[in-house]
Protein backbone atom coordinates (compact mmCIF):
# COMPACT_ATOMS: atom_id res chain seq x y z
CA MET A 1 -43.45 -62.48 -13.74
CA ASN A 2 -40.31 -61.87 -15.43
CA VAL A 3 -39.34 -58.29 -15.86
CA LEU A 4 -35.91 -56.82 -16.91
CA LEU A 5 -34.98 -52.87 -15.96
CA LEU A 6 -33.08 -51.87 -18.76
CA THR A 7 -30.80 -48.25 -18.81
CA ASP A 8 -27.68 -46.89 -20.05
CA LYS A 9 -25.67 -46.07 -16.95
CA LEU A 10 -26.37 -46.35 -13.07
CA THR A 11 -24.88 -42.57 -13.01
CA THR A 12 -25.98 -40.23 -10.58
CA GLY A 13 -29.53 -38.96 -11.71
CA GLY A 14 -32.89 -38.49 -12.15
CA ALA A 15 -33.63 -41.23 -14.60
CA GLU A 16 -30.87 -43.67 -12.67
CA MET A 17 -32.82 -43.30 -9.48
CA TYR A 18 -36.02 -44.02 -10.72
CA PHE A 19 -34.75 -47.76 -12.61
CA CYS A 20 -33.15 -48.22 -8.79
CA LYS A 21 -36.50 -47.38 -6.59
CA LEU A 22 -38.42 -50.07 -8.71
CA GLU A 23 -35.87 -52.45 -8.84
CA ASN A 24 -36.09 -51.93 -5.24
CA ASN A 25 -39.44 -51.85 -4.68
CA LEU A 26 -41.22 -54.20 -6.84
CA PRO A 27 -43.13 -57.15 -4.95
CA ASP A 28 -41.10 -59.16 -4.95
CA GLY A 29 -43.57 -62.68 -4.25
CA GLU A 30 -44.86 -61.25 -7.87
CA VAL A 31 -42.20 -60.19 -9.63
CA ASN A 32 -38.42 -62.00 -10.97
CA VAL A 33 -36.78 -58.25 -11.21
CA TYR A 34 -34.05 -58.44 -13.24
CA ALA A 35 -32.06 -55.39 -14.19
CA ALA A 36 -29.18 -54.32 -17.00
CA ALA A 37 -27.20 -51.29 -16.99
CA ALA A 38 -23.34 -49.69 -17.48
CA PRO A 39 -21.86 -49.50 -13.93
CA GLY A 40 -21.69 -46.30 -11.89
CA GLU A 41 -21.82 -45.31 -8.66
CA LEU A 42 -25.78 -46.50 -8.23
CA TYR A 43 -25.04 -49.94 -8.67
CA THR A 44 -24.95 -50.18 -4.84
CA HIS A 45 -28.07 -49.20 -4.59
CA ILE A 46 -29.04 -52.10 -6.75
CA LYS A 47 -31.00 -54.85 -4.28
CA HIS A 48 -30.80 -58.04 -6.68
CA LYS A 49 -27.26 -57.90 -7.37
CA ASP A 50 -27.26 -61.15 -8.34
CA ARG A 51 -29.69 -60.36 -11.45
CA PHE A 52 -28.03 -57.69 -12.47
CA THR A 53 -26.31 -58.05 -15.90
CA ALA A 54 -23.03 -55.25 -16.22
CA LEU A 55 -23.30 -53.43 -19.78
CA LYS A 56 -20.32 -51.55 -21.63
CA ARG A 57 -20.64 -47.98 -22.32
CA SER A 58 -18.97 -47.93 -25.22
CA ASN A 59 -19.85 -51.15 -26.76
CA PRO A 60 -23.30 -51.50 -28.67
CA PHE A 61 -22.55 -54.83 -30.28
CA TYR A 62 -21.72 -56.50 -26.82
CA ASN A 63 -24.83 -54.75 -25.02
CA PHE A 64 -26.76 -56.41 -27.62
CA TRP A 65 -25.71 -59.65 -27.58
CA GLN A 66 -26.02 -59.77 -23.52
CA ILE A 67 -29.57 -58.62 -23.63
CA ARG A 68 -30.26 -61.09 -26.24
CA GLN A 69 -28.84 -63.98 -24.18
CA LEU A 70 -30.65 -62.75 -20.90
CA ILE A 71 -34.37 -62.75 -22.53
CA LEU A 72 -33.69 -66.03 -24.11
CA LYS A 73 -32.06 -67.80 -20.91
CA GLU A 74 -34.90 -65.82 -18.60
CA ARG A 75 -38.06 -66.33 -20.49
CA ILE A 76 -38.44 -62.73 -20.12
CA ASP A 77 -41.58 -61.13 -20.24
CA ILE A 78 -41.49 -57.66 -19.60
CA ILE A 79 -38.79 -55.00 -20.76
CA HIS A 80 -38.63 -51.98 -19.16
CA ALA A 81 -36.70 -49.57 -20.74
CA ASN A 82 -36.11 -46.29 -19.34
CA SER A 83 -34.19 -44.49 -22.12
CA LEU A 84 -34.69 -44.13 -25.53
CA ARG A 85 -31.27 -46.07 -26.97
CA ALA A 86 -32.60 -48.93 -25.08
CA VAL A 87 -36.34 -49.02 -26.93
CA LEU A 88 -34.09 -49.05 -30.36
CA MET A 89 -31.85 -51.46 -29.30
CA LEU A 90 -35.20 -53.66 -28.06
CA PHE A 91 -36.16 -53.29 -31.22
CA LEU A 92 -33.16 -54.27 -33.17
CA ILE A 93 -32.95 -57.38 -31.02
CA ARG A 94 -36.77 -58.18 -31.54
CA LEU A 95 -36.22 -58.53 -35.09
CA THR A 96 -33.80 -61.50 -34.79
CA MET A 97 -35.91 -63.60 -32.29
CA ILE A 98 -38.67 -65.60 -32.37
CA HIS A 99 -39.44 -65.50 -28.64
CA SER A 100 -41.46 -62.09 -27.93
CA PHE A 101 -41.75 -60.15 -24.84
CA LEU A 102 -43.55 -56.66 -23.84
CA CYS A 103 -41.64 -53.31 -24.36
CA ILE A 104 -42.49 -50.50 -21.93
CA TYR A 105 -40.62 -47.38 -21.79
CA THR A 106 -40.82 -44.35 -19.43
CA LYS A 107 -40.06 -41.29 -20.87
CA HIS A 108 -37.63 -39.07 -18.75
CA ASN A 109 -36.12 -36.58 -20.79
CA VAL A 110 -36.69 -34.71 -24.60
CA THR A 111 -34.69 -36.70 -26.73
CA ILE A 112 -32.84 -35.58 -29.85
CA LEU A 113 -35.33 -37.97 -32.33
CA GLU A 114 -38.35 -36.09 -31.18
CA LYS A 115 -36.64 -32.77 -31.99
CA LYS A 116 -35.30 -33.75 -35.27
CA ALA A 117 -37.37 -36.74 -36.46
CA PRO A 118 -40.93 -36.52 -34.70
CA PHE A 119 -43.14 -38.33 -37.10
CA LEU A 120 -40.06 -41.41 -36.35
CA MET A 121 -40.25 -40.77 -32.59
CA ALA A 122 -43.97 -41.10 -33.38
CA PHE A 123 -44.11 -44.42 -35.31
CA LEU A 124 -41.33 -46.45 -33.53
CA LEU A 125 -43.54 -45.86 -30.15
CA ASN A 126 -46.98 -46.14 -31.72
CA HIS A 127 -45.83 -50.02 -33.56
CA PHE A 128 -42.99 -51.27 -31.24
CA VAL A 129 -43.33 -49.87 -27.43
CA ASN A 130 -46.41 -51.49 -25.87
CA LYS A 131 -46.53 -48.55 -23.36
CA VAL A 132 -45.30 -45.29 -22.92
CA ILE A 133 -45.14 -44.43 -19.14
CA THR A 134 -44.30 -40.59 -19.29
CA VAL A 135 -43.69 -38.64 -15.88
CA SER A 136 -46.11 -35.52 -16.26
CA HIS A 137 -48.91 -34.51 -17.94
CA PHE A 138 -47.46 -32.27 -20.17
CA GLU A 139 -45.27 -34.73 -21.72
CA SER A 140 -48.26 -36.57 -22.34
CA GLU A 141 -49.42 -33.94 -24.28
CA ASN A 142 -46.02 -33.92 -26.48
CA LEU A 143 -46.18 -36.87 -27.39
CA LEU A 144 -49.54 -36.76 -28.65
CA ARG A 145 -49.03 -33.19 -30.40
CA ILE A 146 -46.18 -35.44 -32.39
CA GLY A 147 -48.76 -38.06 -33.31
CA VAL A 148 -48.23 -40.89 -31.07
CA TYR A 149 -51.71 -42.86 -29.82
CA VAL A 150 -53.69 -41.97 -26.98
CA ASP A 151 -53.75 -45.24 -26.10
CA LYS A 152 -50.18 -45.72 -25.83
CA LEU A 153 -49.75 -43.70 -22.99
CA ILE A 154 -49.83 -43.33 -19.13
CA THR A 155 -48.67 -40.69 -16.86
CA ILE A 156 -47.19 -42.27 -13.66
CA TYR A 157 -45.81 -39.31 -11.57
CA ASN A 158 -42.36 -39.93 -9.88
CA GLY A 159 -42.41 -41.20 -5.97
CA VAL A 160 -40.10 -39.35 -3.37
CA ASP A 161 -39.22 -42.11 -0.69
CA LEU A 162 -40.71 -40.35 2.01
CA GLU A 163 -38.80 -42.44 4.39
CA GLN A 164 -35.39 -40.93 2.96
CA PHE A 165 -36.22 -37.83 2.27
CA LYS A 166 -38.11 -37.01 5.97
CA TYR A 167 -39.53 -33.70 6.79
CA GLN A 168 -37.04 -31.99 9.00
CA ASP A 169 -37.67 -28.32 10.98
CA LYS A 170 -34.95 -25.67 9.80
CA LYS A 171 -31.96 -25.06 12.49
CA LYS A 172 -31.80 -21.52 13.46
CA SER A 173 -28.90 -20.19 11.71
CA LYS A 174 -27.18 -16.64 10.82
CA MET A 175 -26.70 -17.09 7.19
CA PHE A 176 -30.04 -17.81 4.87
CA LYS A 177 -28.85 -21.00 2.63
CA VAL A 178 -29.45 -20.95 -1.04
CA GLY A 179 -28.80 -24.03 -2.88
CA ILE A 180 -29.19 -25.72 -6.22
CA LEU A 181 -28.47 -29.63 -6.51
CA ALA A 182 -28.23 -31.03 -10.14
CA ARG A 183 -25.57 -32.60 -12.27
CA VAL A 184 -23.80 -29.82 -13.17
CA SER A 185 -24.23 -29.99 -17.32
CA GLU A 186 -24.69 -26.71 -20.25
CA GLU A 187 -28.61 -27.65 -19.53
CA LYS A 188 -28.97 -27.36 -15.41
CA ASN A 189 -27.60 -23.42 -16.57
CA HIS A 190 -25.88 -23.12 -13.29
CA ALA A 191 -24.22 -20.15 -15.07
CA LEU A 192 -27.47 -18.40 -14.26
CA PHE A 193 -27.15 -19.68 -10.09
CA VAL A 194 -23.75 -18.17 -10.43
CA GLU A 195 -24.88 -14.74 -11.47
CA ILE A 196 -28.56 -14.72 -9.50
CA ALA A 197 -25.51 -15.10 -6.41
CA ASN A 198 -23.07 -12.66 -7.93
CA THR A 199 -25.76 -9.81 -7.91
CA LEU A 200 -26.72 -10.62 -5.05
CA ARG A 201 -23.31 -10.44 -3.70
CA ASP A 202 -24.06 -7.38 -1.00
CA ASP A 203 -26.69 -9.20 0.86
CA SER A 204 -24.09 -10.66 3.77
CA ASP A 205 -26.00 -13.17 5.35
CA ILE A 206 -26.91 -15.01 2.19
CA GLU A 207 -25.02 -17.74 0.92
CA PHE A 208 -24.84 -20.10 -1.89
CA TYR A 209 -24.36 -23.93 -2.40
CA VAL A 210 -23.47 -26.01 -5.52
CA ALA A 211 -23.77 -29.57 -5.41
CA GLY A 212 -23.34 -32.13 -8.04
CA ASP A 213 -20.84 -33.47 -10.29
CA GLY A 214 -20.53 -33.22 -13.88
CA PRO A 215 -18.62 -32.13 -17.25
CA GLU A 216 -19.52 -28.18 -16.26
CA LEU A 217 -18.12 -28.32 -13.00
CA PRO A 218 -14.48 -26.80 -13.72
CA VAL A 219 -16.71 -23.92 -16.03
CA ILE A 220 -18.43 -22.83 -13.21
CA ARG A 221 -15.61 -23.04 -10.38
CA GLU A 222 -13.75 -20.55 -12.95
CA ARG A 223 -16.57 -18.25 -13.20
CA ILE A 224 -16.73 -18.30 -9.25
CA LYS A 225 -13.43 -17.23 -9.31
CA ASP A 226 -13.18 -14.54 -12.05
CA LEU A 227 -16.03 -12.96 -10.20
CA GLN A 228 -14.68 -13.77 -6.75
CA LEU A 229 -17.22 -15.07 -5.36
CA GLU A 230 -15.08 -18.35 -3.43
CA ASP A 231 -16.27 -17.08 -0.15
CA LYS A 232 -20.19 -16.48 -1.01
CA VAL A 233 -20.76 -19.58 -3.33
CA LYS A 234 -19.58 -22.68 -1.89
CA VAL A 235 -18.72 -25.63 -4.53
CA ILE A 236 -19.60 -29.07 -2.69
CA GLY A 237 -19.67 -31.62 -5.53
CA ASN A 238 -21.00 -34.88 -5.37
CA VAL A 239 -23.37 -35.68 -2.61
CA LYS A 240 -23.93 -39.22 -1.56
CA HIS A 241 -26.63 -37.90 1.19
CA PRO A 242 -28.84 -35.24 -0.89
CA GLU A 243 -31.58 -35.64 1.64
CA SER A 244 -29.04 -33.69 3.91
CA PHE A 245 -27.92 -30.89 1.67
CA ILE A 246 -31.43 -30.14 0.27
CA SER A 247 -32.54 -30.01 3.94
CA GLU A 248 -29.70 -28.10 5.24
CA MET A 249 -30.85 -25.31 2.52
CA ASP A 250 -33.19 -23.00 3.26
CA VAL A 251 -34.13 -22.55 -0.37
CA LEU A 252 -33.76 -24.74 -3.34
CA LEU A 253 -32.92 -23.17 -6.92
CA LEU A 254 -33.64 -24.92 -10.24
CA THR A 255 -32.40 -22.86 -13.14
CA SER A 256 -32.73 -25.79 -16.21
CA LYS A 257 -32.52 -24.39 -19.79
CA ARG A 258 -35.19 -27.45 -20.44
CA GLU A 259 -36.87 -29.90 -17.78
CA VAL A 260 -39.76 -32.91 -18.09
CA PHE A 261 -40.05 -33.29 -14.53
CA PRO A 262 -37.17 -33.32 -12.04
CA MET A 263 -37.03 -35.28 -9.01
CA VAL A 264 -35.35 -32.61 -7.06
CA VAL A 265 -38.45 -30.61 -7.04
CA LEU A 266 -40.22 -33.52 -4.95
CA GLU A 267 -37.58 -34.69 -3.00
CA ALA A 268 -37.35 -30.37 -1.62
CA MET A 269 -40.97 -30.52 -0.96
CA ALA A 270 -41.01 -33.41 0.83
CA VAL A 271 -37.76 -32.07 3.52
CA GLY A 272 -39.58 -29.04 3.90
CA THR A 273 -37.27 -26.87 1.86
CA PRO A 274 -38.93 -24.15 -0.54
CA MET A 275 -38.01 -24.88 -4.01
CA ILE A 276 -37.91 -21.72 -6.42
CA SER A 277 -38.33 -22.89 -9.90
CA ILE A 278 -38.46 -21.81 -13.75
CA ASP A 279 -41.27 -22.53 -14.96
CA ARG A 280 -40.40 -25.65 -17.68
CA GLY A 281 -41.96 -29.11 -18.46
CA GLY A 282 -44.25 -30.56 -16.22
CA ILE A 283 -42.95 -28.70 -12.82
CA LYS A 284 -46.26 -26.68 -12.17
CA GLU A 285 -48.31 -30.43 -11.80
CA ALA A 286 -46.32 -30.24 -8.37
CA ILE A 287 -45.17 -26.58 -7.81
CA ILE A 288 -48.19 -23.99 -7.37
CA ASP A 289 -47.21 -20.57 -7.72
CA SER A 290 -46.84 -19.10 -4.31
CA GLU A 291 -48.49 -22.22 -2.75
CA THR A 292 -46.22 -25.18 -2.99
CA GLY A 293 -43.33 -23.26 -4.16
CA ILE A 294 -42.30 -20.26 -6.20
CA LEU A 295 -42.59 -20.32 -10.09
CA ILE A 296 -40.33 -18.15 -12.40
CA ALA A 297 -41.85 -17.51 -16.07
CA ASP A 298 -38.12 -17.38 -17.61
CA HIS A 299 -34.54 -17.00 -17.10
CA SER A 300 -34.46 -13.84 -15.08
CA ILE A 301 -31.88 -12.99 -12.75
CA GLU A 302 -33.80 -10.12 -11.17
CA ALA A 303 -37.01 -12.47 -10.75
CA PHE A 304 -34.89 -15.35 -9.01
CA CYS A 305 -33.30 -12.64 -6.48
CA SER A 306 -36.50 -11.09 -6.01
CA LYS A 307 -38.27 -14.18 -4.85
CA ILE A 308 -35.48 -15.39 -2.79
CA LYS A 309 -35.42 -12.11 -0.66
CA GLU A 310 -38.97 -12.33 -0.12
CA LEU A 311 -38.95 -15.74 1.02
CA LYS A 312 -36.18 -15.21 3.28
CA GLU A 313 -38.10 -11.81 4.70
CA ASN A 314 -41.41 -13.58 4.97
CA LYS A 315 -41.18 -16.34 7.34
CA LEU A 316 -45.18 -17.03 7.39
CA LEU A 317 -44.79 -17.27 3.02
CA ARG A 318 -41.81 -19.97 3.67
CA LEU A 319 -44.09 -21.99 6.57
CA ARG A 320 -47.02 -21.68 4.16
CA VAL A 321 -45.36 -23.39 1.81
CA ILE A 322 -43.46 -25.80 3.45
CA GLU A 323 -46.66 -27.13 4.76
CA ARG A 324 -48.53 -27.35 1.57
CA ALA A 325 -45.50 -28.83 -0.47
CA ARG A 326 -45.43 -32.00 2.18
CA ASP A 327 -48.88 -32.32 2.12
CA LYS A 328 -49.03 -32.43 -1.92
CA VAL A 329 -45.97 -35.14 -1.81
CA LYS A 330 -47.32 -37.20 0.64
CA LYS A 331 -50.89 -37.35 -1.34
CA GLU A 332 -49.67 -37.57 -5.28
CA PHE A 333 -46.03 -38.22 -5.47
CA SER A 334 -45.03 -40.97 -2.81
CA LEU A 335 -42.53 -43.52 -3.89
CA ASN A 336 -45.30 -46.73 -2.98
CA GLN A 337 -47.80 -44.97 -5.54
CA MET A 338 -45.49 -44.49 -8.36
CA VAL A 339 -44.34 -48.39 -8.12
CA GLU A 340 -48.14 -49.61 -6.99
CA LEU A 341 -49.27 -47.78 -10.50
CA THR A 342 -46.30 -49.25 -12.26
CA TYR A 343 -47.06 -52.90 -11.37
CA GLN A 344 -50.35 -52.32 -12.14
CA GLU A 345 -49.21 -51.63 -15.90
CA TYR A 346 -47.45 -54.42 -16.15
CA GLN A 347 -50.33 -56.73 -15.11
CA LYS A 348 -52.58 -55.09 -17.36
CA GLN A 349 -50.13 -55.14 -20.38
CA ARG A 350 -49.08 -59.07 -19.57
CA LYS A 351 -52.65 -59.91 -19.32
CA PHE A 352 -53.46 -58.27 -22.46
CA PHE A 353 -50.42 -59.84 -23.86
CA LEU A 354 -51.47 -62.89 -23.33
C-alpha cells in the first residue's frame, strides 16, 4: 500500500504533530509512507526523509505539479490530507489525470468554507473525499448538521505518545506554577491568560508561564509590560520539549476562543498536570469536570481564578484529577490506538476501492 501524507507546512502545531506521528508509526512492512509539506521546524521529526517532498508555502502551482508527479511516479493508492487546502488541491489534481487515488481527510480545525458556505463543504466531502476522520464526536455532529453523509465519517481520537509524555510526580516547590502552551495567536486568547494573572497578582506564591510562539507574541509581551507583570508572568517562547514544560507546571490553562480537540489537553493528562480548560469543541470528551480536569463554561476571569485557587489549596482534588486523567488517556487516547485505527481505515477503504 502506497500512502501519501499531505499537509500545508511542518510548523509546530497539533495537526502537524499528528502528521509526524503517522509518518513515524504506520507499519513499515505494510505501508510505504510518503510525505509532502512545506518545511518547518518539525522536519526533524520526519522518519522517512528519502520519501519526503518539500513544497513551497506561496507557490500553489509548483505544489500542484509536484504532488501530481509524485502520485504518478509512486503509484499512490491513498492520500491522507491534513488540511482542507490539501483536499482542494487534490480535487483539482484528480480532474487532470486518469490514475485514480483514494482521499482521506482528517479535519483538525474549523474552516472558513464550512462557516461561509457549508453546503459547498458538504458537497466536496460527500462527492470527492472517501472518508473524513474527525478527532472528536462533537466535530462529527457538526459535519452531519451541514449535510455530510454519516457513512463518510469516522471519529478517531488524537493519540498521545505515552513514552514521550510519561507521568511524573510533581517536585516540591514554594511556588504554584500556572502555564499555557499554545501557538500565540488571536484564537488561543492569551490575552485572557494575562488578565487572569493580573487578577491574581497579589497571590505571591502563584507564578504564570507562557510557552509557545506566534504572531501575537509581541502584543502579549507588551500587555504584560503595560500591566507591570514582568515578575509575575514569564514568557518562555517556543519549547523543544513540551513534555518537560507541561510536567513542570502545577496546572495548565486552555483559554481558546474556539477549539476542535487540542493535543495539549491529552499531553497534560498524560504527564500528570491538571487542566483547567474552556469548554469548547470536543474537549469534554476527554475532560470530565472535576474528575479528569476542570471545565469552564465561558471566558470568565473570575471562574478561572477560582478554580486555580481551588486546585492550589485542595491537594486531594489535584491528586484525584491527575490519577483519573492519566487512566483515561491510557485507555482511550494512546498513540498506538490512533495509528492502528487509522491503518485499519486505510485497509477498509482500499479493499472497498479495489
